[in-house]
C-alpha atoms as a PDB file:
ATOM      1  CA  MET A   1     110.748  85.287  92.876  1.00  0.00           C
ATOM      2  CA  LYS A   2     109.878  81.849  93.678  1.00  0.00           C
ATOM      3  CA  GLN A   3     108.323  79.113  91.513  1.00  0.00           C
ATOM      4  CA  SER A   4     106.781  75.708  92.397  1.00  0.00           C
ATOM      5  CA  LEU A   5     108.589  72.860  90.797  1.00  0.00           C
ATOM      6  CA  LYS A   6     106.536  70.001  91.328  1.00  0.00           C
ATOM      7  CA  ILE A   7     104.052  70.532  88.372  1.00  0.00           C
ATOM      8  CA  PHE A   8     106.792  70.553  85.800  1.00  0.00           C
ATOM      9  CA  LEU A   9     108.923  67.649  87.199  1.00  0.00           C
ATOM     10  CA  GLY A  10     106.299  64.900  87.417  1.00  0.00           C
ATOM     11  CA  GLU A  11     107.324  63.654  84.028  1.00  0.00           C
ATOM     12  CA  ILE A  12     110.921  62.966  84.844  1.00  0.00           C
ATOM     13  CA  LEU A  13     110.877  62.159  88.593  1.00  0.00           C
ATOM     14  CA  ASN A  14     108.995  59.836  90.640  1.00  0.00           C
ATOM     15  CA  ASN A  15     107.562  60.808  93.952  1.00  0.00           C
ATOM     16  CA  ASP A  16     110.471  59.877  96.160  1.00  0.00           C
ATOM     17  CA  GLU A  17     112.784  61.925  93.681  1.00  0.00           C
ATOM     18  CA  ILE A  18     110.740  64.878  93.903  1.00  0.00           C
ATOM     19  CA  LYS A  19     110.509  64.863  97.499  1.00  0.00           C
ATOM     20  CA  LEU A  20     114.398  65.233  97.445  1.00  0.00           C
ATOM     21  CA  MET A  21     114.103  68.390  95.485  1.00  0.00           C
ATOM     22  CA  ASN A  22     113.343  71.923  97.101  1.00  0.00           C
ATOM     23  CA  ARG A  23     109.875  72.906  96.823  1.00  0.00           C
ATOM     24  CA  SER A  24     110.633  76.021  95.061  1.00  0.00           C
ATOM     25  CA  PHE A  25     113.573  77.833  93.322  1.00  0.00           C
ATOM     26  CA  ASP A  26     114.792  81.537  93.010  1.00  0.00           C
ATOM     27  CA  VAL A  27     114.780  83.577  89.840  1.00  0.00           C
ATOM     28  CA  ILE A  28     116.986  86.435  89.112  1.00  0.00           C
ATOM     29  CA  GLY A  29     115.872  88.217  85.776  1.00  0.00           C
ATOM     30  CA  ASP A  30     115.487  85.401  83.434  1.00  0.00           C
ATOM     31  CA  ILE A  31     117.642  82.801  85.241  1.00  0.00           C
ATOM     32  CA  ALA A  32     116.337  79.972  87.637  1.00  0.00           C
ATOM     33  CA  VAL A  33     118.843  79.247  90.335  1.00  0.00           C
ATOM     34  CA  ILE A  34     118.008  75.621  91.457  1.00  0.00           C
ATOM     35  CA  GLU A  35     119.638  72.940  93.953  1.00  0.00           C
ATOM     36  CA  ILE A  36     120.282  69.911  92.717  1.00  0.00           C
ATOM     37  CA  PRO A  37     120.677  67.057  95.522  1.00  0.00           C
ATOM     38  CA  PRO A  38     123.487  64.421  94.956  1.00  0.00           C
ATOM     39  CA  GLU A  39     121.229  61.655  94.385  1.00  0.00           C
ATOM     40  CA  LEU A  40     119.784  63.510  91.155  1.00  0.00           C
ATOM     41  CA  GLU A  41     122.926  64.533  89.837  1.00  0.00           C
ATOM     42  CA  ALA A  42     122.616  62.281  86.775  1.00  0.00           C
ATOM     43  CA  LYS A  43     119.250  64.078  85.897  1.00  0.00           C
ATOM     44  CA  LYS A  44     120.243  67.454  86.260  1.00  0.00           C
ATOM     45  CA  LYS A  45     120.171  68.433  82.601  1.00  0.00           C
ATOM     46  CA  GLU A  46     116.546  66.829  82.388  1.00  0.00           C
ATOM     47  CA  ILE A  47     115.710  68.778  85.498  1.00  0.00           C
ATOM     48  CA  GLY A  48     117.187  71.952  84.019  1.00  0.00           C
ATOM     49  CA  LYS A  49     114.998  71.630  80.629  1.00  0.00           C
ATOM     50  CA  ALA A  50     111.693  70.965  82.531  1.00  0.00           C
ATOM     51  CA  ILE A  51     112.298  74.357  84.575  1.00  0.00           C
ATOM     52  CA  LEU A  52     112.795  76.032  81.268  1.00  0.00           C
ATOM     53  CA  ASN A  53     109.029  75.666  80.620  1.00  0.00           C
ATOM     54  CA  PHE A  54     108.136  78.419  83.245  1.00  0.00           C
ATOM     55  CA  LYS A  55     107.355  81.397  81.909  1.00  0.00           C
ATOM     56  CA  HIS A  56     110.203  84.080  81.451  1.00  0.00           C
ATOM     57  CA  ILE A  57     113.039  81.415  82.078  1.00  0.00           C
ATOM     58  CA  LYS A  58     115.860  81.300  79.396  1.00  0.00           C
ATOM     59  CA  VAL A  59     118.678  79.935  81.744  1.00  0.00           C
ATOM     60  CA  VAL A  60     118.824  77.454  84.472  1.00  0.00           C
ATOM     61  CA  ALA A  61     121.741  77.457  86.767  1.00  0.00           C
ATOM     62  CA  ALA A  62     122.529  74.904  89.530  1.00  0.00           C
ATOM     63  CA  LYS A  63     124.329  75.787  92.681  1.00  0.00           C
ATOM     64  CA  ALA A  64     127.902  74.307  92.535  1.00  0.00           C
ATOM     65  CA  GLY A  65     128.817  75.862  95.967  1.00  0.00           C
ATOM     66  CA  ILE A  66     128.191  78.183  98.747  1.00  0.00           C
ATOM     67  CA  PHE A  67     128.668  82.078  99.196  1.00  0.00           C
ATOM     68  CA  GLU A  68     132.217  82.360 100.095  1.00  0.00           C
ATOM     69  CA  GLY A  69     135.217  84.475  99.919  1.00  0.00           C
ATOM     70  CA  GLU A  70     135.501  88.275 100.613  1.00  0.00           C
ATOM     71  CA  TYR A  71     133.099  89.059  97.728  1.00  0.00           C
ATOM     72  CA  ARG A  72     130.539  86.487  98.940  1.00  0.00           C
ATOM     73  CA  THR A  73     130.180  84.834  95.586  1.00  0.00           C
ATOM     74  CA  ARG A  74     128.991  81.490  94.639  1.00  0.00           C
ATOM     75  CA  LYS A  75     129.894  78.964  91.867  1.00  0.00           C
ATOM     76  CA  LEU A  76     126.980  77.993  89.549  1.00  0.00           C
ATOM     77  CA  GLU A  77     126.585  75.324  86.656  1.00  0.00           C
ATOM     78  CA  ILE A  78     124.452  76.139  83.626  1.00  0.00           C
ATOM     79  CA  VAL A  79     122.441  72.941  83.013  1.00  0.00           C
ATOM     80  CA  ALA A  80     119.921  74.257  80.711  1.00  0.00           C
ATOM     81  CA  GLY A  81     119.034  76.937  78.420  1.00  0.00           C
ATOM     82  CA  GLU A  82     121.350  79.918  77.179  1.00  0.00           C
ATOM     83  CA  ASN A  83     124.961  79.799  78.042  1.00  0.00           C
ATOM     84  CA  ARG A  84     125.221  82.721  80.096  1.00  0.00           C
ATOM     85  CA  LYS A  85     125.241  84.168  83.819  1.00  0.00           C
ATOM     86  CA  GLU A  86     124.477  87.765  83.171  1.00  0.00           C
ATOM     87  CA  THR A  87     120.818  89.082  83.497  1.00  0.00           C
ATOM     88  CA  ILE A  88     118.847  92.000  84.160  1.00  0.00           C
ATOM     89  CA  TYR A  89     116.818  91.905  87.521  1.00  0.00           C
ATOM     90  CA  THR A  90     113.934  94.369  87.918  1.00  0.00           C
ATOM     91  CA  GLU A  91     112.527  95.325  91.448  1.00  0.00           C
ATOM     92  CA  PHE A  92     110.341  98.345  92.195  1.00  0.00           C
ATOM     93  CA  GLY A  93     110.817  99.827  88.960  1.00  0.00           C
ATOM     94  CA  CYS A  94     114.727  99.659  89.367  1.00  0.00           C
ATOM     95  CA  ARG A  95     116.642  97.393  86.817  1.00  0.00           C
ATOM     96  CA  TYR A  96     119.927  95.845  87.662  1.00  0.00           C
ATOM     97  CA  LEU A  97     122.382  94.316  85.312  1.00  0.00           C
ATOM     98  CA  LEU A  98     124.573  91.580  86.994  1.00  0.00           C
ATOM     99  CA  ASN A  99     126.302  88.401  86.738  1.00  0.00           C
ATOM    100  CA  ILE A 100     124.805  86.140  89.309  1.00  0.00           C
ATOM    101  CA  GLU A 101     128.194  84.212  89.945  1.00  0.00           C
ATOM    102  CA  GLU A 102     130.475  87.057  90.080  1.00  0.00           C
ATOM    103  CA  VAL A 103     128.800  89.335  92.439  1.00  0.00           C
ATOM    104  CA  TYR A 104     126.620  88.826  95.570  1.00  0.00           C
ATOM    105  CA  PHE A 105     122.896  89.369  95.102  1.00  0.00           C
ATOM    106  CA  SER A 106     119.757  88.526  97.054  1.00  0.00           C
ATOM    107  CA  GLU A 107     116.560  89.044  95.421  1.00  0.00           C
ATOM    108  CA  ARG A 108     114.981  87.746  98.783  1.00  0.00           C
ATOM    109  CA  LEU A 109     115.612  91.183 100.206  1.00  0.00           C
ATOM    110  CA  GLY A 110     113.271  93.213  97.983  1.00  0.00           C
ATOM    111  CA  ASN A 111     110.863  94.033 100.809  1.00  0.00           C
ATOM    112  CA  GLU A 112     113.802  94.846 103.202  1.00  0.00           C
ATOM    113  CA  ARG A 113     115.145  97.242 100.709  1.00  0.00           C
ATOM    114  CA  ILE A 114     111.714  99.118 100.102  1.00  0.00           C
ATOM    115  CA  ARG A 115     111.273  98.974 104.080  1.00  0.00           C
ATOM    116  CA  ILE A 116     114.300 101.196 104.319  1.00  0.00           C
ATOM    117  CA  SER A 117     113.920 103.278 101.410  1.00  0.00           C
ATOM    118  CA  GLN A 118     110.546 104.389 102.709  1.00  0.00           C
ATOM    119  CA  GLN A 119     112.202 105.545 105.722  1.00  0.00           C
ATOM    120  CA  VAL A 120     114.549 108.152 104.328  1.00  0.00           C
ATOM    121  CA  LYS A 121     113.842 111.837 104.667  1.00  0.00           C
ATOM    122  CA  GLU A 122     114.480 114.983 102.770  1.00  0.00           C
ATOM    123  CA  GLY A 123     117.985 116.079 102.771  1.00  0.00           C
ATOM    124  CA  GLU A 124     119.624 112.990 104.327  1.00  0.00           C
ATOM    125  CA  LYS A 125     123.094 112.019 103.692  1.00  0.00           C
ATOM    126  CA  ILE A 126     123.334 108.300 103.354  1.00  0.00           C
ATOM    127  CA  LEU A 127     126.112 105.525 103.101  1.00  0.00           C
ATOM    128  CA  ALA A 128     125.191 102.326 101.622  1.00  0.00           C
ATOM    129  CA  MET A 129     128.247 100.177 102.604  1.00  0.00           C
ATOM    130  CA  PHE A 130     129.028  96.675 101.014  1.00  0.00           C
ATOM    131  CA  ALA A 131     126.758  98.190  98.226  1.00  0.00           C
ATOM    132  CA  GLY A 132     127.183  95.444  95.337  1.00  0.00           C
ATOM    133  CA  VAL A 133     125.486  96.073  92.196  1.00  0.00           C
ATOM    134  CA  GLY A 134     123.620  98.796  93.960  1.00  0.00           C
ATOM    135  CA  PRO A 135     120.048  97.837  94.770  1.00  0.00           C
ATOM    136  CA  TYR A 136     119.897  99.671  98.183  1.00  0.00           C
ATOM    137  CA  PRO A 137     121.178 103.239  97.074  1.00  0.00           C
ATOM    138  CA  ILE A 138     119.657 102.913  93.453  1.00  0.00           C
ATOM    139  CA  LEU A 139     116.150 102.144  95.223  1.00  0.00           C
ATOM    140  CA  ILE A 140     116.507 104.926  97.508  1.00  0.00           C
ATOM    141  CA  ALA A 141     117.604 107.364  94.943  1.00  0.00           C
ATOM    142  CA  ARG A 142     114.841 106.617  92.455  1.00  0.00           C
ATOM    143  CA  MET A 143     112.122 106.730  95.309  1.00  0.00           C
ATOM    144  CA  LYS A 144     113.303 110.166  96.553  1.00  0.00           C
ATOM    145  CA  LYS A 145     113.573 111.420  92.991  1.00  0.00           C
ATOM    146  CA  ARG A 146     109.981 110.487  92.474  1.00  0.00           C
ATOM    147  CA  GLU A 147     108.971 112.252  95.659  1.00  0.00           C
ATOM    148  CA  ASN A 148     111.157 115.401  94.633  1.00  0.00           C
ATOM    149  CA  LYS A 149     113.280 114.840  98.014  1.00  0.00           C
ATOM    150  CA  ASN A 150     116.717 115.842  97.922  1.00  0.00           C
ATOM    151  CA  VAL A 151     119.128 113.135  99.392  1.00  0.00           C
ATOM    152  CA  GLU A 152     122.943 112.688  99.044  1.00  0.00           C
ATOM    153  CA  ILE A 153     124.144 108.920  98.617  1.00  0.00           C
ATOM    154  CA  TYR A 154     127.563 107.401  98.869  1.00  0.00           C
ATOM    155  CA  ALA A 155     128.039 103.740  98.034  1.00  0.00           C
ATOM    156  CA  ILE A 156     131.070 101.516  98.733  1.00  0.00           C
ATOM    157  CA  GLU A 157     131.940  98.246  97.204  1.00  0.00           C
ATOM    158  CA  LEU A 158     134.941  96.121  97.431  1.00  0.00           C
ATOM    159  CA  ASN A 159     134.229  93.825  94.572  1.00  0.00           C
ATOM    160  CA  PRO A 160     135.672  95.285  91.390  1.00  0.00           C
ATOM    161  CA  VAL A 161     133.015  93.512  89.326  1.00  0.00           C
ATOM    162  CA  GLY A 162     130.264  94.565  91.688  1.00  0.00           C
ATOM    163  CA  TYR A 163     131.551  98.197  91.630  1.00  0.00           C
ATOM    164  CA  LYS A 164     131.523  98.027  87.711  1.00  0.00           C
ATOM    165  CA  TYR A 165     127.972  96.897  87.674  1.00  0.00           C
ATOM    166  CA  MET A 166     126.757  99.364  90.232  1.00  0.00           C
ATOM    167  CA  VAL A 167     128.373 102.341  88.062  1.00  0.00           C
ATOM    168  CA  GLU A 168     126.589 100.770  85.299  1.00  0.00           C
ATOM    169  CA  ASN A 169     123.223 100.431  87.077  1.00  0.00           C
ATOM    170  CA  VAL A 170     123.449 104.098  88.423  1.00  0.00           C
ATOM    171  CA  ARG A 171     123.505 105.150  84.709  1.00  0.00           C
ATOM    172  CA  ILE A 172     120.573 102.685  83.717  1.00  0.00           C
ATOM    173  CA  ASN A 173     118.551 104.107  86.280  1.00  0.00           C
ATOM    174  CA  LYS A 174     119.300 107.793  85.897  1.00  0.00           C
ATOM    175  CA  VAL A 175     120.130 108.377  89.423  1.00  0.00           C
ATOM    176  CA  ASN A 176     122.781 110.502  91.284  1.00  0.00           C
ATOM    177  CA  ILE A 177     125.180 108.184  93.496  1.00  0.00           C
ATOM    178  CA  LYS A 178     128.581 108.661  94.351  1.00  0.00           C
ATOM    179  CA  CYS A 179     130.225 105.152  93.822  1.00  0.00           C
ATOM    180  CA  ILE A 180     133.465 104.337  95.611  1.00  0.00           C
ATOM    181  CA  LEU A 181     135.574 101.203  94.912  1.00  0.00           C
ATOM    182  CA  GLY A 182     137.164 100.090  97.883  1.00  0.00           C
ATOM    183  CA  ASP A 183     137.284  98.575 101.450  1.00  0.00           C
ATOM    184  CA  VAL A 184     134.742 100.399 103.793  1.00  0.00           C
ATOM    185  CA  LYS A 185     137.312 100.639 106.620  1.00  0.00           C
ATOM    186  CA  THR A 186     139.563 102.410 104.428  1.00  0.00           C
ATOM    187  CA  GLU A 187     137.343 104.638 101.980  1.00  0.00           C
ATOM    188  CA  THR A 188     134.810 105.714 104.582  1.00  0.00           C
ATOM    189  CA  PRO A 189     137.284 107.804 106.682  1.00  0.00           C
ATOM    190  CA  LYS A 190     138.415 109.272 103.765  1.00  0.00           C
ATOM    191  CA  LEU A 191     135.352 110.835 102.882  1.00  0.00           C
ATOM    192  CA  GLY A 192     135.502 112.808 106.116  1.00  0.00           C
ATOM    193  CA  LEU A 193     131.542 112.972 106.277  1.00  0.00           C
ATOM    194  CA  LYS A 194     129.116 112.436 108.858  1.00  0.00           C
ATOM    195  CA  PHE A 195     125.882 110.347 107.578  1.00  0.00           C
ATOM    196  CA  ASP A 196     122.241 110.464 108.586  1.00  0.00           C
ATOM    197  CA  ARG A 197     121.836 106.855 107.610  1.00  0.00           C
ATOM    198  CA  ILE A 198     124.061 103.876 107.156  1.00  0.00           C
ATOM    199  CA  ILE A 199     123.193 100.679 105.676  1.00  0.00           C
ATOM    200  CA  MET A 200     125.341  97.579 106.607  1.00  0.00           C
ATOM    201  CA  PRO A 201     124.145  94.370 104.538  1.00  0.00           C
ATOM    202  CA  LEU A 202     126.881  92.154 105.523  1.00  0.00           C
ATOM    203  CA  PRO A 203     125.364  89.811 107.913  1.00  0.00           C
ATOM    204  CA  LYS A 204     128.215  87.505 108.300  1.00  0.00           C
ATOM    205  CA  ASP A 205     131.010  90.046 109.157  1.00  0.00           C
ATOM    206  CA  ALA A 206     129.152  93.395 110.147  1.00  0.00           C
ATOM    207  CA  GLU A 207     130.617  93.304 113.595  1.00  0.00           C
ATOM    208  CA  ASN A 208     134.137  94.046 112.084  1.00  0.00           C
ATOM    209  CA  PHE A 209     132.814  97.191 110.642  1.00  0.00           C
ATOM    210  CA  LEU A 210     130.416  98.585 113.307  1.00  0.00           C
ATOM    211  CA  ASP A 211     133.150 100.948 114.764  1.00  0.00           C
ATOM    212  CA  THR A 212     133.770 102.491 111.150  1.00  0.00           C
ATOM    213  CA  ALA A 213     130.133 103.198 110.802  1.00  0.00           C
ATOM    214  CA  LEU A 214     129.630 104.566 114.237  1.00  0.00           C
ATOM    215  CA  ASN A 215     132.436 106.884 113.698  1.00  0.00           C
ATOM    216  CA  ALA A 216     130.677 108.268 110.285  1.00  0.00           C
ATOM    217  CA  ILE A 217     127.241 108.389 111.703  1.00  0.00           C
ATOM    218  CA  ASN A 218     125.618 111.782 112.905  1.00  0.00           C
ATOM    219  CA  ASP A 219     124.098 112.232 116.446  1.00  0.00           C
ATOM    220  CA  ARG A 220     120.660 110.532 116.144  1.00  0.00           C
ATOM    221  CA  GLY A 221     121.470 108.942 112.926  1.00  0.00           C
ATOM    222  CA  ILE A 222     120.312 105.606 111.947  1.00  0.00           C
ATOM    223  CA  ILE A 223     122.338 102.359 111.274  1.00  0.00           C
ATOM    224  CA  HIS A 224     120.507  99.586 109.610  1.00  0.00           C
ATOM    225  CA  TYR A 225     122.736  96.733 110.765  1.00  0.00           C
ATOM    226  CA  TYR A 226     122.491  92.940 109.450  1.00  0.00           C
ATOM    227  CA  GLY A 227     123.588  89.709 110.913  1.00  0.00           C
ATOM    228  CA  PHE A 228     122.349  86.014 111.591  1.00  0.00           C
ATOM    229  CA  SER A 229     120.616  84.754 114.761  1.00  0.00           C
ATOM    230  CA  ASP A 230     118.350  82.321 116.094  1.00  0.00           C
ATOM    231  CA  ASN A 231     117.013  85.100 118.469  1.00  0.00           C
ATOM    232  CA  THR A 232     116.123  88.321 117.223  1.00  0.00           C
ATOM    233  CA  LYS A 233     115.783  89.870 120.589  1.00  0.00           C
ATOM    234  CA  ILE A 234     118.871  88.717 122.082  1.00  0.00           C
ATOM    235  CA  PHE A 235     120.707  89.567 118.868  1.00  0.00           C
ATOM    236  CA  ALA A 236     119.678  93.163 119.049  1.00  0.00           C
ATOM    237  CA  GLU A 237     120.553  93.619 122.379  1.00  0.00           C
ATOM    238  CA  GLU A 238     124.065  92.295 121.617  1.00  0.00           C
ATOM    239  CA  VAL A 239     124.269  94.754 118.938  1.00  0.00           C
ATOM    240  CA  LYS A 240     123.188  97.598 121.350  1.00  0.00           C
ATOM    241  CA  LYS A 241     125.930  96.499 123.755  1.00  0.00           C
ATOM    242  CA  GLN A 242     128.651  96.614 120.960  1.00  0.00           C
ATOM    243  CA  CYS A 243     127.667 100.133 120.197  1.00  0.00           C
ATOM    244  CA  GLU A 244     128.008 101.007 124.031  1.00  0.00           C
ATOM    245  CA  ASN A 245     131.338  99.347 124.147  1.00  0.00           C
ATOM    246  CA  PHE A 246     132.541 101.793 121.628  1.00  0.00           C
ATOM    247  CA  GLY A 247     131.459 104.622 123.526  1.00  0.00           C
ATOM    248  CA  TYR A 248     128.066 105.248 121.876  1.00  0.00           C
ATOM    249  CA  GLY A 249     124.628 105.031 122.949  1.00  0.00           C
ATOM    250  CA  ALA A 250     122.146 103.391 120.900  1.00  0.00           C
ATOM    251  CA  GLU A 251     118.228 102.964 120.760  1.00  0.00           C
ATOM    252  CA  ILE A 252     116.593 100.093 119.097  1.00  0.00           C
ATOM    253  CA  SER A 253     113.908 101.424 116.824  1.00  0.00           C
ATOM    254  CA  ASP A 254     113.074  98.296 115.016  1.00  0.00           C
ATOM    255  CA  VAL A 255     114.195  94.614 114.676  1.00  0.00           C
ATOM    256  CA  VAL A 256     113.326  92.829 111.396  1.00  0.00           C
ATOM    257  CA  ALA A 257     113.608  89.266 110.688  1.00  0.00           C
ATOM    258  CA  CYS A 258     114.130  89.215 106.788  1.00  0.00           C
ATOM    259  CA  GLY A 259     114.478  85.759 105.764  1.00  0.00           C
ATOM    260  CA  ALA A 260     116.031  82.337 106.722  1.00  0.00           C
ATOM    261  CA  TYR A 261     119.645  81.748 106.472  1.00  0.00           C
ATOM    262  CA  CYS A 262     119.782  78.040 107.366  1.00  0.00           C
ATOM    263  CA  PRO A 263     117.356  75.772 109.657  1.00  0.00           C
ATOM    264  CA  LYS A 264     116.710  77.599 112.930  1.00  0.00           C
ATOM    265  CA  ILE A 265     118.960  80.591 111.719  1.00  0.00           C
ATOM    266  CA  GLY A 266     117.686  83.718 110.374  1.00  0.00           C
ATOM    267  CA  ARG A 267     118.744  87.054 108.788  1.00  0.00           C
ATOM    268  CA  VAL A 268     117.947  89.868 111.019  1.00  0.00           C
ATOM    269  CA  CYS A 269     118.160  93.666 110.799  1.00  0.00           C
ATOM    270  CA  VAL A 270     118.359  95.956 113.893  1.00  0.00           C
ATOM    271  CA  ASP A 271     117.433  99.582 113.276  1.00  0.00           C
ATOM    272  CA  LEU A 272     119.554 101.676 115.633  1.00  0.00           C
ATOM    273  CA  LYS A 273     119.344 105.349 116.454  1.00  0.00           C
ATOM    274  CA  ILE A 274     122.842 106.382 117.575  1.00  0.00           C
ATOM    275  CA  ASN A 275     123.366 108.828 120.318  1.00  0.00           C
ATOM    276  CA  LYS A 276     126.778 110.505 120.554  1.00  0.00           C
ATOM    277  CA  LYS A 277     127.858 110.202 124.185  1.00  0.00           C
END
């Protein structure tokens, strides 16, 4: 969710200062996540208090770093409102409890999650790699439950905190998912299973796990492969070539731009139908 800032900042910032601010901010549950430019650091608490005027906002957190480390987490500073970083985020009828500083979560991928969920068919066996607090597998499980379709879902998460929240979110949403704590490279082979669909939402490092996914996919199975690129067509062909280098045929069934990463670089999902040679 994004909100316009200008309306509420006019009383504390002049026009030049307002131009320094991003025109919108993200909202996860009842927490607003904002970016304070260095020039406005001294006014961050005033800015935070102004944003509390937005409906449903109870906490304002300022970005204090970038997503980094093996768990893809980011430091945040509470600048206004309640002193907490845990919230409940609701998306397409699913509820996710999470601490926005201790786990990776992107509310901007909601449309992508529903896109993939709508593709799932009766009887599929699905693996959600890098599952985080469970947004992909939980949405799929809830949708298919409502549609009276039987699916079998496995979800692997490396971050112990993310895993804890995923287990709790499975309980909250009353779905059946086999949650696994550990490294995808180690845990996937242990399952000894072949999947009809594998989701790989790790755009920065997905290439390091492609062989693991290919070894676990059924013939004609689908891999949803995420990455960052400035050219979606070239990126998709590169991923297809990587599959071929591992000895697998791949058909590109779809290429979806799903949000900006930075200027001129976007997040891309390539849907691949895998052919076992």
